[in-house]
Amino acid sequence: MYSSILTRLRLIIAEVAEVRSHVITTNTYFEDDLNLDKDGLKELRARLEDEFDIKLPKTVFKEFNTVGEIVGFIEAEMGR
């Protein structure tokens, strides 16, 4: 399930951050590498909630900084 979540997540991040999906890895940082600001992170959170039908805390990007960390979090949430 991890790889399918990662694939879907990369496409959403690429759209929000306006980058090519192939540059996004599990080690990519949302703020440092993708330059997502507060509004970009807010949009990303909303898109992830819609895509994966889960509720993410407003502080999710303060707790989890990389794509891989978010994939793991989403995987755990979907498994509940």
C-alpha atoms as a PDB file:
ATOM      1  CA  MET A   1       0.000   0.000   0.000  1.00  0.00           C
ATOM      2  CA  TYR A   2       2.955   2.343   0.710  1.00  0.00           C
ATOM      3  CA  SER A   3       3.964   2.600  -2.961  1.00  0.00           C
ATOM      4  CA  SER A   4       0.424   3.312  -4.183  1.00  0.00           C
ATOM      5  CA  ILE A   5       0.035   6.065  -1.563  1.00  0.00           C
ATOM      6  CA  LEU A   6       3.408   7.495  -2.573  1.00  0.00           C
ATOM      7  CA  THR A   7       2.446   7.525  -6.258  1.00  0.00           C
ATOM      8  CA  ARG A   8      -0.839   9.321  -5.606  1.00  0.00           C
ATOM      9  CA  LEU A   9       0.801  11.707  -3.163  1.00  0.00           C
ATOM     10  CA  ARG A  10       3.581  12.632  -5.593  1.00  0.00           C
ATOM     11  CA  LEU A  11       1.041  13.635  -8.250  1.00  0.00           C
ATOM     12  CA  ILE A  12      -0.878  15.853  -5.837  1.00  0.00           C
ATOM     13  CA  ILE A  13       2.285  17.458  -4.474  1.00  0.00           C
ATOM     14  CA  ALA A  14       3.542  18.102  -8.002  1.00  0.00           C
ATOM     15  CA  GLU A  15       0.346  19.978  -8.839  1.00  0.00           C
ATOM     16  CA  VAL A  16       0.306  22.041  -5.652  1.00  0.00           C
ATOM     17  CA  ALA A  17       4.043  22.821  -5.659  1.00  0.00           C
ATOM     18  CA  GLU A  18       4.161  23.218  -9.454  1.00  0.00           C
ATOM     19  CA  VAL A  19       7.081  20.834  -9.878  1.00  0.00           C
ATOM     20  CA  ARG A  20       7.554  17.640 -11.851  1.00  0.00           C
ATOM     21  CA  SER A  21       6.576  14.552  -9.902  1.00  0.00           C
ATOM     22  CA  HIS A  22       9.856  12.747 -10.648  1.00  0.00           C
ATOM     23  CA  VAL A  23      11.780  15.211  -8.441  1.00  0.00           C
ATOM     24  CA  ILE A  24       9.680  14.252  -5.416  1.00  0.00           C
ATOM     25  CA  THR A  25      11.165  11.462  -3.311  1.00  0.00           C
ATOM     26  CA  THR A  26      10.486  10.129   0.159  1.00  0.00           C
ATOM     27  CA  ASN A  27      13.287  12.415   1.407  1.00  0.00           C
ATOM     28  CA  THR A  28      11.814  15.590  -0.102  1.00  0.00           C
ATOM     29  CA  TYR A  29      11.043  18.319   2.432  1.00  0.00           C
ATOM     30  CA  PHE A  30       7.826  20.261   1.873  1.00  0.00           C
ATOM     31  CA  GLU A  31       9.135  23.662   2.881  1.00  0.00           C
ATOM     32  CA  ASP A  32      12.870  23.430   2.194  1.00  0.00           C
ATOM     33  CA  ASP A  33      12.831  21.498  -1.088  1.00  0.00           C
ATOM     34  CA  LEU A  34       9.427  22.391  -2.530  1.00  0.00           C
ATOM     35  CA  ASN A  35       9.206  25.919  -1.130  1.00  0.00           C
ATOM     36  CA  LEU A  36       5.630  25.416  -0.010  1.00  0.00           C
ATOM     37  CA  ASP A  37       4.446  28.293   2.150  1.00  0.00           C
ATOM     38  CA  LYS A  38       1.595  28.332   4.660  1.00  0.00           C
ATOM     39  CA  ASP A  39      -1.064  28.632   1.948  1.00  0.00           C
ATOM     40  CA  GLY A  40       0.512  25.899  -0.166  1.00  0.00           C
ATOM     41  CA  LEU A  41       0.629  23.537   2.808  1.00  0.00           C
ATOM     42  CA  LYS A  42      -2.982  24.347   3.638  1.00  0.00           C
ATOM     43  CA  GLU A  43      -4.038  23.536   0.075  1.00  0.00           C
ATOM     44  CA  LEU A  44      -1.982  20.348   0.122  1.00  0.00           C
ATOM     45  CA  ARG A  45      -3.579  19.226   3.391  1.00  0.00           C
ATOM     46  CA  ALA A  46      -7.068  19.768   1.953  1.00  0.00           C
ATOM     47  CA  ARG A  47      -6.208  17.886  -1.239  1.00  0.00           C
ATOM     48  CA  LEU A  48      -4.768  14.954   0.728  1.00  0.00           C
ATOM     49  CA  GLU A  49      -7.848  14.774   2.927  1.00  0.00           C
ATOM     50  CA  ASP A  50     -10.050  14.609  -0.172  1.00  0.00           C
ATOM     51  CA  GLU A  51      -7.858  12.128  -2.044  1.00  0.00           C
ATOM     52  CA  PHE A  52      -7.411   9.671   0.811  1.00  0.00           C
ATOM     53  CA  ASP A  53     -10.718  10.329   2.626  1.00  0.00           C
ATOM     54  CA  ILE A  54      -8.981  11.021   5.934  1.00  0.00           C
ATOM     55  CA  LYS A  55      -8.793  13.907   8.385  1.00  0.00           C
ATOM     56  CA  LEU A  56      -5.323  15.399   8.899  1.00  0.00           C
ATOM     57  CA  PRO A  57      -4.490  17.596  11.897  1.00  0.00           C
ATOM     58  CA  LYS A  58      -3.817  21.248  11.095  1.00  0.00           C
ATOM     59  CA  THR A  59      -0.301  20.756  12.455  1.00  0.00           C
ATOM     60  CA  VAL A  60       0.496  17.752  10.256  1.00  0.00           C
ATOM     61  CA  PHE A  61       3.277  19.549   8.360  1.00  0.00           C
ATOM     62  CA  LYS A  62       4.901  20.718  11.596  1.00  0.00           C
ATOM     63  CA  GLU A  63       5.022  17.145  12.864  1.00  0.00           C
ATOM     64  CA  PHE A  64       5.978  15.524   9.559  1.00  0.00           C
ATOM     65  CA  ASN A  65       8.464  17.317   7.329  1.00  0.00           C
ATOM     66  CA  THR A  66       9.156  14.897   4.491  1.00  0.00           C
ATOM     67  CA  VAL A  67       7.087  13.116   1.889  1.00  0.00           C
ATOM     68  CA  GLY A  68       8.036   9.738   3.349  1.00  0.00           C
ATOM     69  CA  GLU A  69       6.830  10.737   6.797  1.00  0.00           C
ATOM     70  CA  ILE A  70       3.467  11.831   5.403  1.00  0.00           C
ATOM     71  CA  VAL A  71       3.125   8.607   3.403  1.00  0.00           C
ATOM     72  CA  GLY A  72       3.644   6.609   6.584  1.00  0.00           C
ATOM     73  CA  PHE A  73       1.122   8.746   8.441  1.00  0.00           C
ATOM     74  CA  ILE A  74      -1.492   8.398   5.702  1.00  0.00           C
ATOM     75  CA  GLU A  75      -0.912   4.651   5.529  1.00  0.00           C
ATOM     76  CA  ALA A  76      -1.482   4.367   9.293  1.00  0.00           C
ATOM     77  CA  GLU A  77      -4.616   6.515   9.121  1.00  0.00           C
ATOM     78  CA  MET A  78      -6.075   4.470   6.279  1.00  0.00           C
ATOM     79  CA  GLY A  79      -5.403   1.268   8.199  1.00  0.00           C
ATOM     80  CA  ARG A  80      -7.604   2.333  11.107  1.00  0.00           C
END
